[in-house]
């Protein structure tokens, strides 16, 4: 698969508008982005020079969550919503190392994401990509491929990692309730989200970054409070240590330096349906 599009972009890609997936790719030093996407990060850097740390903290949490679900929870069915552009360690690669037969379905509607995913996954019959709007849970959960490939009588892990901050409505918890209702007992829901700690120092930074994201060519990036993010899990049982900063969710080793201000502004958690 191509690593970038130096010439002509895939059909359907609008290079005059920033894309959530491409901005995230740019933050991770990827090559599948355009100047309009990098402009978003440049705007946020005026208040948060380390803004890209949001993406790295998010990506590292995703990897640890995948390992936990595959190795400890023994989940073998995954629905990754808003999967984004491929990186070094994608969901299917992490979980299929532990579970070679694990079924992974990626859901996205970004044309570049779909083009990359279809090229990358062409020879992997246990990993599929579905074109759908992740903010329409009924459409996703009734999608023909999702219904055929996932056994919804057995536990499924659903990922909303770094996605829900781009849903600007106030009914995000209600939307997630629809997803949760469709899942069988024993399923897991994984969420990471831009976070407003509501403290004088970091709360101000979160607000400043939010304003820059919302006024940027991307036009989204809400920083929600602990109460707002917790509500997205509904009545799920939270896996320890609960809703915490991404860097505090079962880190791989000891921390030798304090977290940066930016890394105090992204939180995560995993909930289990009883």
C-alpha atoms as a PDB file:
ATOM      1  CA  UNK A   1       0.000   0.000   0.000  1.00  0.00           C
ATOM      2  CA  UNK A   2       1.236   3.551  -0.586  1.00  0.00           C
ATOM      3  CA  UNK A   3       2.629   5.359   2.443  1.00  0.00           C
ATOM      4  CA  UNK A   4       1.561   8.768   1.178  1.00  0.00           C
ATOM      5  CA  UNK A   5      -0.150  10.574  -1.653  1.00  0.00           C
ATOM      6  CA  UNK A   6       2.402  13.080  -2.983  1.00  0.00           C
ATOM      7  CA  UNK A   7       0.472  13.501  -6.208  1.00  0.00           C
ATOM      8  CA  UNK A   8      -3.186  12.771  -6.607  1.00  0.00           C
ATOM      9  CA  UNK A   9      -5.262  12.010  -3.508  1.00  0.00           C
ATOM     10  CA  UNK A  10      -7.755   9.111  -3.525  1.00  0.00           C
ATOM     11  CA  UNK A  11     -11.150   9.788  -5.035  1.00  0.00           C
ATOM     12  CA  UNK A  12     -13.419  11.517  -2.535  1.00  0.00           C
ATOM     13  CA  UNK A  13     -10.617  13.114  -0.499  1.00  0.00           C
ATOM     14  CA  UNK A  14     -11.064  16.873  -0.080  1.00  0.00           C
ATOM     15  CA  UNK A  15      -7.610  18.361   0.377  1.00  0.00           C
ATOM     16  CA  UNK A  16      -9.065  21.808   1.105  1.00  0.00           C
ATOM     17  CA  UNK A  17     -10.705  20.650   4.344  1.00  0.00           C
ATOM     18  CA  UNK A  18      -8.977  19.185   7.381  1.00  0.00           C
ATOM     19  CA  UNK A  19      -9.795  15.597   8.305  1.00  0.00           C
ATOM     20  CA  UNK A  20      -9.830  14.226  11.859  1.00  0.00           C
ATOM     21  CA  UNK A  21      -7.959  11.112  10.730  1.00  0.00           C
ATOM     22  CA  UNK A  22      -5.332  13.083   8.826  1.00  0.00           C
ATOM     23  CA  UNK A  23      -4.777  15.572  11.665  1.00  0.00           C
ATOM     24  CA  UNK A  24      -4.218  12.600  13.984  1.00  0.00           C
ATOM     25  CA  UNK A  25      -1.809  11.118  11.442  1.00  0.00           C
ATOM     26  CA  UNK A  26       0.098  14.401  11.308  1.00  0.00           C
ATOM     27  CA  UNK A  27       0.323  14.477  15.109  1.00  0.00           C
ATOM     28  CA  UNK A  28       1.925  11.021  15.014  1.00  0.00           C
ATOM     29  CA  UNK A  29       4.471  12.166  12.405  1.00  0.00           C
ATOM     30  CA  UNK A  30       2.701  10.238   9.664  1.00  0.00           C
ATOM     31  CA  UNK A  31       2.879  10.964   5.945  1.00  0.00           C
ATOM     32  CA  UNK A  32      -0.786  10.677   5.002  1.00  0.00           C
ATOM     33  CA  UNK A  33      -1.840  14.262   5.613  1.00  0.00           C
ATOM     34  CA  UNK A  34      -1.947  17.605   3.861  1.00  0.00           C
ATOM     35  CA  UNK A  35      -1.008  21.171   4.738  1.00  0.00           C
ATOM     36  CA  UNK A  36      -4.577  21.948   5.824  1.00  0.00           C
ATOM     37  CA  UNK A  37      -4.298  19.174   8.432  1.00  0.00           C
ATOM     38  CA  UNK A  38      -0.942  20.385   9.709  1.00  0.00           C
ATOM     39  CA  UNK A  39      -2.392  23.889   9.950  1.00  0.00           C
ATOM     40  CA  UNK A  40      -4.789  22.613  12.634  1.00  0.00           C
ATOM     41  CA  UNK A  41      -1.905  21.515  14.835  1.00  0.00           C
ATOM     42  CA  UNK A  42      -0.021  24.741  14.173  1.00  0.00           C
ATOM     43  CA  UNK A  43      -3.005  26.735  15.418  1.00  0.00           C
ATOM     44  CA  UNK A  44      -3.254  24.713  18.630  1.00  0.00           C
ATOM     45  CA  UNK A  45       0.516  24.972  19.171  1.00  0.00           C
ATOM     46  CA  UNK A  46       0.070  28.687  19.819  1.00  0.00           C
ATOM     47  CA  UNK A  47      -1.412  27.754  23.213  1.00  0.00           C
ATOM     48  CA  UNK A  48      -0.053  24.197  23.610  1.00  0.00           C
ATOM     49  CA  UNK A  49       3.330  23.589  21.934  1.00  0.00           C
ATOM     50  CA  UNK A  50       3.125  19.910  22.932  1.00  0.00           C
ATOM     51  CA  UNK A  51      -0.336  19.310  21.456  1.00  0.00           C
ATOM     52  CA  UNK A  52       0.865  16.197  19.597  1.00  0.00           C
ATOM     53  CA  UNK A  53       1.307  14.474  22.960  1.00  0.00           C
ATOM     54  CA  UNK A  54      -2.475  14.052  23.010  1.00  0.00           C
ATOM     55  CA  UNK A  55      -2.165  11.704  20.046  1.00  0.00           C
ATOM     56  CA  UNK A  56       0.782   9.776  21.469  1.00  0.00           C
ATOM     57  CA  UNK A  57      -0.890   9.263  24.852  1.00  0.00           C
ATOM     58  CA  UNK A  58      -4.019   8.100  23.046  1.00  0.00           C
ATOM     59  CA  UNK A  59      -2.120   5.675  20.799  1.00  0.00           C
ATOM     60  CA  UNK A  60      -0.165   4.177  23.705  1.00  0.00           C
ATOM     61  CA  UNK A  61      -3.379   3.623  25.665  1.00  0.00           C
ATOM     62  CA  UNK A  62      -4.969   1.877  22.678  1.00  0.00           C
ATOM     63  CA  UNK A  63      -2.060  -0.563  22.494  1.00  0.00           C
ATOM     64  CA  UNK A  64      -2.255  -1.382  26.209  1.00  0.00           C
ATOM     65  CA  UNK A  65      -6.044  -1.752  26.038  1.00  0.00           C
ATOM     66  CA  UNK A  66      -5.730  -4.186  23.130  1.00  0.00           C
ATOM     67  CA  UNK A  67      -3.203  -6.284  25.029  1.00  0.00           C
ATOM     68  CA  UNK A  68      -5.425  -6.369  28.108  1.00  0.00           C
ATOM     69  CA  UNK A  69      -8.526  -7.393  26.185  1.00  0.00           C
ATOM     70  CA  UNK A  70      -6.772 -10.053  24.127  1.00  0.00           C
ATOM     71  CA  UNK A  71      -4.532 -11.558  26.806  1.00  0.00           C
ATOM     72  CA  UNK A  72      -6.390 -11.011  30.077  1.00  0.00           C
ATOM     73  CA  UNK A  73     -10.056 -10.710  29.101  1.00  0.00           C
ATOM     74  CA  UNK A  74      -9.652 -13.245  26.247  1.00  0.00           C
ATOM     75  CA  UNK A  75     -11.888 -11.275  23.902  1.00  0.00           C
ATOM     76  CA  UNK A  76     -11.774 -12.454  20.291  1.00  0.00           C
ATOM     77  CA  UNK A  77     -14.248 -10.027  18.661  1.00  0.00           C
ATOM     78  CA  UNK A  78     -13.473  -6.331  18.156  1.00  0.00           C
ATOM     79  CA  UNK A  79     -15.370  -3.385  16.725  1.00  0.00           C
ATOM     80  CA  UNK A  80     -13.020  -0.423  16.285  1.00  0.00           C
ATOM     81  CA  UNK A  81     -15.044   2.734  15.640  1.00  0.00           C
ATOM     82  CA  UNK A  82     -13.286   5.575  13.860  1.00  0.00           C
ATOM     83  CA  UNK A  83     -10.148   3.520  13.372  1.00  0.00           C
ATOM     84  CA  UNK A  84      -8.202   6.231  11.556  1.00  0.00           C
ATOM     85  CA  UNK A  85      -5.190   5.820   9.298  1.00  0.00           C
ATOM     86  CA  UNK A  86      -2.888   2.815   9.810  1.00  0.00           C
ATOM     87  CA  UNK A  87       0.088   3.251  12.126  1.00  0.00           C
ATOM     88  CA  UNK A  88       2.819   0.961  13.431  1.00  0.00           C
ATOM     89  CA  UNK A  89       0.592  -0.935  15.878  1.00  0.00           C
ATOM     90  CA  UNK A  90      -2.993  -1.220  14.704  1.00  0.00           C
ATOM     91  CA  UNK A  91      -5.765  -2.888  16.687  1.00  0.00           C
ATOM     92  CA  UNK A  92      -5.844  -6.052  14.580  1.00  0.00           C
ATOM     93  CA  UNK A  93      -2.080  -6.494  14.765  1.00  0.00           C
ATOM     94  CA  UNK A  94      -1.979  -6.262  18.551  1.00  0.00           C
ATOM     95  CA  UNK A  95      -4.962  -8.508  19.265  1.00  0.00           C
ATOM     96  CA  UNK A  96      -4.181 -11.083  16.573  1.00  0.00           C
ATOM     97  CA  UNK A  97      -0.746 -11.684  18.047  1.00  0.00           C
ATOM     98  CA  UNK A  98      -2.522 -13.021  21.124  1.00  0.00           C
ATOM     99  CA  UNK A  99      -5.565 -14.384  19.241  1.00  0.00           C
ATOM    100  CA  UNK A 100      -4.675 -15.252  15.628  1.00  0.00           C
ATOM    101  CA  UNK A 101      -8.334 -16.023  14.935  1.00  0.00           C
ATOM    102  CA  UNK A 102      -9.692 -12.827  16.495  1.00  0.00           C
ATOM    103  CA  UNK A 103     -12.238 -11.048  14.326  1.00  0.00           C
ATOM    104  CA  UNK A 104     -11.667  -7.298  13.948  1.00  0.00           C
ATOM    105  CA  UNK A 105     -13.991  -4.880  12.179  1.00  0.00           C
ATOM    106  CA  UNK A 106     -12.909  -1.318  11.561  1.00  0.00           C
ATOM    107  CA  UNK A 107     -15.592   1.318  10.993  1.00  0.00           C
ATOM    108  CA  UNK A 108     -14.894   4.683   9.392  1.00  0.00           C
ATOM    109  CA  UNK A 109     -16.210   6.971   6.671  1.00  0.00           C
ATOM    110  CA  UNK A 110     -13.083   8.952   5.807  1.00  0.00           C
ATOM    111  CA  UNK A 111     -12.190   8.204   2.140  1.00  0.00           C
ATOM    112  CA  UNK A 112      -8.453   8.075   2.795  1.00  0.00           C
ATOM    113  CA  UNK A 113      -8.896   5.782   5.799  1.00  0.00           C
ATOM    114  CA  UNK A 114     -11.044   3.429   3.735  1.00  0.00           C
ATOM    115  CA  UNK A 115      -8.550   3.374   0.851  1.00  0.00           C
ATOM    116  CA  UNK A 116      -5.644   2.576   3.168  1.00  0.00           C
ATOM    117  CA  UNK A 117      -7.553  -0.019   5.172  1.00  0.00           C
ATOM    118  CA  UNK A 118      -8.740  -1.933   2.123  1.00  0.00           C
ATOM    119  CA  UNK A 119      -5.210  -2.055   0.736  1.00  0.00           C
ATOM    120  CA  UNK A 120      -3.678  -3.078   4.061  1.00  0.00           C
ATOM    121  CA  UNK A 121      -6.274  -5.721   4.883  1.00  0.00           C
ATOM    122  CA  UNK A 122      -6.603  -7.324   1.479  1.00  0.00           C
ATOM    123  CA  UNK A 123      -4.977 -10.591   2.580  1.00  0.00           C
ATOM    124  CA  UNK A 124      -6.383 -10.712   6.136  1.00  0.00           C
ATOM    125  CA  UNK A 125      -9.700 -12.541   6.151  1.00  0.00           C
ATOM    126  CA  UNK A 126     -10.131 -11.994   9.908  1.00  0.00           C
ATOM    127  CA  UNK A 127     -10.093  -8.202   9.611  1.00  0.00           C
ATOM    128  CA  UNK A 128     -12.617  -6.150   7.661  1.00  0.00           C
ATOM    129  CA  UNK A 129     -13.471  -2.496   7.146  1.00  0.00           C
ATOM    130  CA  UNK A 130     -16.997  -1.097   7.065  1.00  0.00           C
ATOM    131  CA  UNK A 131     -17.964   2.306   5.719  1.00  0.00           C
ATOM    132  CA  UNK A 132     -20.375   3.904   8.174  1.00  0.00           C
ATOM    133  CA  UNK A 133     -20.882   6.920  10.427  1.00  0.00           C
ATOM    134  CA  UNK A 134     -19.717   5.923  13.915  1.00  0.00           C
ATOM    135  CA  UNK A 135     -22.044   8.514  15.436  1.00  0.00           C
ATOM    136  CA  UNK A 136     -25.054   6.574  14.133  1.00  0.00           C
ATOM    137  CA  UNK A 137     -24.969   3.495  16.375  1.00  0.00           C
ATOM    138  CA  UNK A 138     -28.123   1.906  14.976  1.00  0.00           C
ATOM    139  CA  UNK A 139     -26.676   2.005  11.455  1.00  0.00           C
ATOM    140  CA  UNK A 140     -23.387   0.487  12.634  1.00  0.00           C
ATOM    141  CA  UNK A 141     -24.895  -2.291  14.735  1.00  0.00           C
ATOM    142  CA  UNK A 142     -27.372  -3.278  11.999  1.00  0.00           C
ATOM    143  CA  UNK A 143     -24.778  -3.135   9.225  1.00  0.00           C
ATOM    144  CA  UNK A 144     -24.810  -6.352   7.200  1.00  0.00           C
ATOM    145  CA  UNK A 145     -21.076  -7.038   7.597  1.00  0.00           C
ATOM    146  CA  UNK A 146     -21.146  -6.319  11.326  1.00  0.00           C
ATOM    147  CA  UNK A 147     -24.110  -8.661  11.800  1.00  0.00           C
ATOM    148  CA  UNK A 148     -22.543 -11.401   9.701  1.00  0.00           C
ATOM    149  CA  UNK A 149     -19.013 -11.283  11.064  1.00  0.00           C
ATOM    150  CA  UNK A 150     -19.604 -10.619  14.770  1.00  0.00           C
ATOM    151  CA  UNK A 151     -21.413 -13.144  16.931  1.00  0.00           C
ATOM    152  CA  UNK A 152     -23.465 -10.849  19.137  1.00  0.00           C
ATOM    153  CA  UNK A 153     -24.353 -13.713  21.439  1.00  0.00           C
ATOM    154  CA  UNK A 154     -20.732 -13.598  22.678  1.00  0.00           C
ATOM    155  CA  UNK A 155     -18.682 -10.736  24.194  1.00  0.00           C
ATOM    156  CA  UNK A 156     -17.392  -8.003  21.903  1.00  0.00           C
ATOM    157  CA  UNK A 157     -14.925  -5.195  22.590  1.00  0.00           C
ATOM    158  CA  UNK A 158     -16.039  -1.838  21.193  1.00  0.00           C
ATOM    159  CA  UNK A 159     -13.508   0.973  20.797  1.00  0.00           C
ATOM    160  CA  UNK A 160     -14.266   4.689  20.786  1.00  0.00           C
ATOM    161  CA  UNK A 161     -10.653   5.754  21.141  1.00  0.00           C
ATOM    162  CA  UNK A 162     -10.036   9.416  20.421  1.00  0.00           C
ATOM    163  CA  UNK A 163     -13.322   9.739  18.550  1.00  0.00           C
ATOM    164  CA  UNK A 164     -16.074  11.068  20.791  1.00  0.00           C
ATOM    165  CA  UNK A 165     -14.425  14.461  21.254  1.00  0.00           C
ATOM    166  CA  UNK A 166     -15.339  15.070  17.622  1.00  0.00           C
ATOM    167  CA  UNK A 167     -19.035  14.559  18.335  1.00  0.00           C
ATOM    168  CA  UNK A 168     -20.231  18.055  19.157  1.00  0.00           C
ATOM    169  CA  UNK A 169     -23.748  17.250  20.340  1.00  0.00           C
ATOM    170  CA  UNK A 170     -24.753  17.172  23.987  1.00  0.00           C
ATOM    171  CA  UNK A 171     -26.326  13.703  23.686  1.00  0.00           C
ATOM    172  CA  UNK A 172     -23.070  11.747  23.438  1.00  0.00           C
ATOM    173  CA  UNK A 173     -23.948   9.612  26.494  1.00  0.00           C
ATOM    174  CA  UNK A 174     -27.301   8.735  24.916  1.00  0.00           C
ATOM    175  CA  UNK A 175     -25.550   7.741  21.711  1.00  0.00           C
ATOM    176  CA  UNK A 176     -23.201   5.444  23.621  1.00  0.00           C
ATOM    177  CA  UNK A 177     -26.164   3.964  25.488  1.00  0.00           C
ATOM    178  CA  UNK A 178     -27.450   2.698  22.127  1.00  0.00           C
ATOM    179  CA  UNK A 179     -24.153   0.934  21.444  1.00  0.00           C
ATOM    180  CA  UNK A 180     -24.049  -0.566  24.926  1.00  0.00           C
ATOM    181  CA  UNK A 181     -27.629  -1.822  24.694  1.00  0.00           C
ATOM    182  CA  UNK A 182     -26.732  -3.788  21.553  1.00  0.00           C
ATOM    183  CA  UNK A 183     -23.857  -5.638  23.245  1.00  0.00           C
ATOM    184  CA  UNK A 184     -24.107  -8.978  25.054  1.00  0.00           C
ATOM    185  CA  UNK A 185     -23.061  -9.449  28.668  1.00  0.00           C
ATOM    186  CA  UNK A 186     -19.311  -9.729  29.125  1.00  0.00           C
ATOM    187  CA  UNK A 187     -18.590  -7.136  26.437  1.00  0.00           C
ATOM    188  CA  UNK A 188     -16.177  -4.250  26.939  1.00  0.00           C
ATOM    189  CA  UNK A 189     -16.336  -0.598  25.898  1.00  0.00           C
ATOM    190  CA  UNK A 190     -13.063   1.304  25.518  1.00  0.00           C
ATOM    191  CA  UNK A 191     -13.106   5.108  25.487  1.00  0.00           C
ATOM    192  CA  UNK A 192     -10.448   7.802  25.428  1.00  0.00           C
ATOM    193  CA  UNK A 193     -11.354  11.469  25.238  1.00  0.00           C
ATOM    194  CA  UNK A 194      -9.918  14.976  25.432  1.00  0.00           C
ATOM    195  CA  UNK A 195     -10.270  15.881  29.106  1.00  0.00           C
ATOM    196  CA  UNK A 196     -11.029  19.051  31.047  1.00  0.00           C
ATOM    197  CA  UNK A 197      -9.567  18.416  34.531  1.00  0.00           C
ATOM    198  CA  UNK A 198     -11.427  21.477  35.869  1.00  0.00           C
ATOM    199  CA  UNK A 199      -8.317  22.619  37.731  1.00  0.00           C
ATOM    200  CA  UNK A 200      -6.992  26.189  37.515  1.00  0.00           C
ATOM    201  CA  UNK A 201      -3.864  25.214  35.586  1.00  0.00           C
ATOM    202  CA  UNK A 202      -4.941  22.348  33.348  1.00  0.00           C
ATOM    203  CA  UNK A 203      -8.568  23.383  33.020  1.00  0.00           C
ATOM    204  CA  UNK A 204      -7.480  26.657  31.449  1.00  0.00           C
ATOM    205  CA  UNK A 205      -5.194  24.818  29.015  1.00  0.00           C
ATOM    206  CA  UNK A 206      -7.995  22.406  28.073  1.00  0.00           C
ATOM    207  CA  UNK A 207     -10.311  25.329  27.347  1.00  0.00           C
ATOM    208  CA  UNK A 208      -7.665  27.081  25.257  1.00  0.00           C
ATOM    209  CA  UNK A 209      -6.954  23.956  23.200  1.00  0.00           C
ATOM    210  CA  UNK A 210     -10.667  23.327  22.715  1.00  0.00           C
ATOM    211  CA  UNK A 211     -11.214  26.829  21.358  1.00  0.00           C
ATOM    212  CA  UNK A 212      -8.309  26.448  18.944  1.00  0.00           C
ATOM    213  CA  UNK A 213      -9.551  23.053  17.713  1.00  0.00           C
ATOM    214  CA  UNK A 214     -13.132  24.258  17.291  1.00  0.00           C
ATOM    215  CA  UNK A 215     -12.040  27.340  15.341  1.00  0.00           C
ATOM    216  CA  UNK A 216      -9.519  25.418  13.226  1.00  0.00           C
ATOM    217  CA  UNK A 217     -10.169  23.936   9.759  1.00  0.00           C
ATOM    218  CA  UNK A 218     -11.053  20.657  11.544  1.00  0.00           C
ATOM    219  CA  UNK A 219     -13.835  22.313  13.536  1.00  0.00           C
ATOM    220  CA  UNK A 220     -14.050  19.743  16.334  1.00  0.00           C
ATOM    221  CA  UNK A 221     -12.287  18.696  19.516  1.00  0.00           C
ATOM    222  CA  UNK A 222     -14.330  18.993  22.695  1.00  0.00           C
ATOM    223  CA  UNK A 223     -12.623  18.705  26.083  1.00  0.00           C
ATOM    224  CA  UNK A 224     -15.206  17.180  28.402  1.00  0.00           C
ATOM    225  CA  UNK A 225     -15.215  16.877  32.193  1.00  0.00           C
ATOM    226  CA  UNK A 226     -14.853  13.723  34.281  1.00  0.00           C
ATOM    227  CA  UNK A 227     -18.605  13.657  34.863  1.00  0.00           C
ATOM    228  CA  UNK A 228     -19.332  13.974  31.144  1.00  0.00           C
ATOM    229  CA  UNK A 229     -16.874  11.264  30.128  1.00  0.00           C
ATOM    230  CA  UNK A 230     -17.969   8.898  32.891  1.00  0.00           C
ATOM    231  CA  UNK A 231     -21.564   9.243  31.685  1.00  0.00           C
ATOM    232  CA  UNK A 232     -20.535   7.739  28.339  1.00  0.00           C
ATOM    233  CA  UNK A 233     -19.968   4.397  30.080  1.00  0.00           C
ATOM    234  CA  UNK A 234     -23.532   4.325  31.409  1.00  0.00           C
ATOM    235  CA  UNK A 235     -23.939   1.584  34.006  1.00  0.00           C
ATOM    236  CA  UNK A 236     -20.947  -0.456  32.861  1.00  0.00           C
ATOM    237  CA  UNK A 237     -18.633  -1.845  35.528  1.00  0.00           C
ATOM    238  CA  UNK A 238     -15.347   0.043  35.236  1.00  0.00           C
ATOM    239  CA  UNK A 239     -12.166  -1.978  34.944  1.00  0.00           C
ATOM    240  CA  UNK A 240      -9.550  -0.844  37.469  1.00  0.00           C
ATOM    241  CA  UNK A 241      -8.172   1.797  37.741  1.00  0.00           C
ATOM    242  CA  UNK A 242     -11.376   3.355  36.396  1.00  0.00           C
ATOM    243  CA  UNK A 243     -11.495   6.639  34.503  1.00  0.00           C
ATOM    244  CA  UNK A 244      -7.963   8.049  34.609  1.00  0.00           C
ATOM    245  CA  UNK A 245      -5.453   9.944  32.515  1.00  0.00           C
ATOM    246  CA  UNK A 246      -4.326   7.864  29.537  1.00  0.00           C
ATOM    247  CA  UNK A 247      -0.801   7.642  30.929  1.00  0.00           C
ATOM    248  CA  UNK A 248      -2.155   6.271  34.221  1.00  0.00           C
ATOM    249  CA  UNK A 249      -4.081   3.333  32.725  1.00  0.00           C
ATOM    250  CA  UNK A 250      -1.774   0.398  33.516  1.00  0.00           C
ATOM    251  CA  UNK A 251       1.439   2.013  32.222  1.00  0.00           C
ATOM    252  CA  UNK A 252       4.172  -0.279  30.944  1.00  0.00           C
ATOM    253  CA  UNK A 253       6.686   0.872  33.538  1.00  0.00           C
ATOM    254  CA  UNK A 254       7.556   3.450  36.194  1.00  0.00           C
ATOM    255  CA  UNK A 255       7.382   7.158  35.448  1.00  0.00           C
ATOM    256  CA  UNK A 256      10.610   9.087  35.965  1.00  0.00           C
ATOM    257  CA  UNK A 257       9.266  12.570  35.190  1.00  0.00           C
ATOM    258  CA  UNK A 258       5.984  14.392  35.806  1.00  0.00           C
ATOM    259  CA  UNK A 259       3.411  14.330  33.044  1.00  0.00           C
ATOM    260  CA  UNK A 260       3.372  17.337  30.760  1.00  0.00           C
ATOM    261  CA  UNK A 261       0.483  19.774  30.982  1.00  0.00           C
ATOM    262  CA  UNK A 262      -0.955  18.443  27.707  1.00  0.00           C
ATOM    263  CA  UNK A 263      -0.894  14.837  28.914  1.00  0.00           C
ATOM    264  CA  UNK A 264      -3.050  15.910  31.847  1.00  0.00           C
ATOM    265  CA  UNK A 265      -5.775  16.708  29.319  1.00  0.00           C
ATOM    266  CA  UNK A 266      -6.651  13.292  27.876  1.00  0.00           C
ATOM    267  CA  UNK A 267      -8.444  10.582  29.867  1.00  0.00           C
ATOM    268  CA  UNK A 268      -9.554   7.015  29.286  1.00  0.00           C
ATOM    269  CA  UNK A 269     -11.278   3.997  30.736  1.00  0.00           C
ATOM    270  CA  UNK A 270     -12.667   0.558  29.987  1.00  0.00           C
ATOM    271  CA  UNK A 271     -16.096  -0.602  31.097  1.00  0.00           C
ATOM    272  CA  UNK A 272     -17.508  -4.130  31.194  1.00  0.00           C
ATOM    273  CA  UNK A 273     -21.148  -5.015  30.650  1.00  0.00           C
ATOM    274  CA  UNK A 274     -22.427  -7.275  33.391  1.00  0.00           C
END
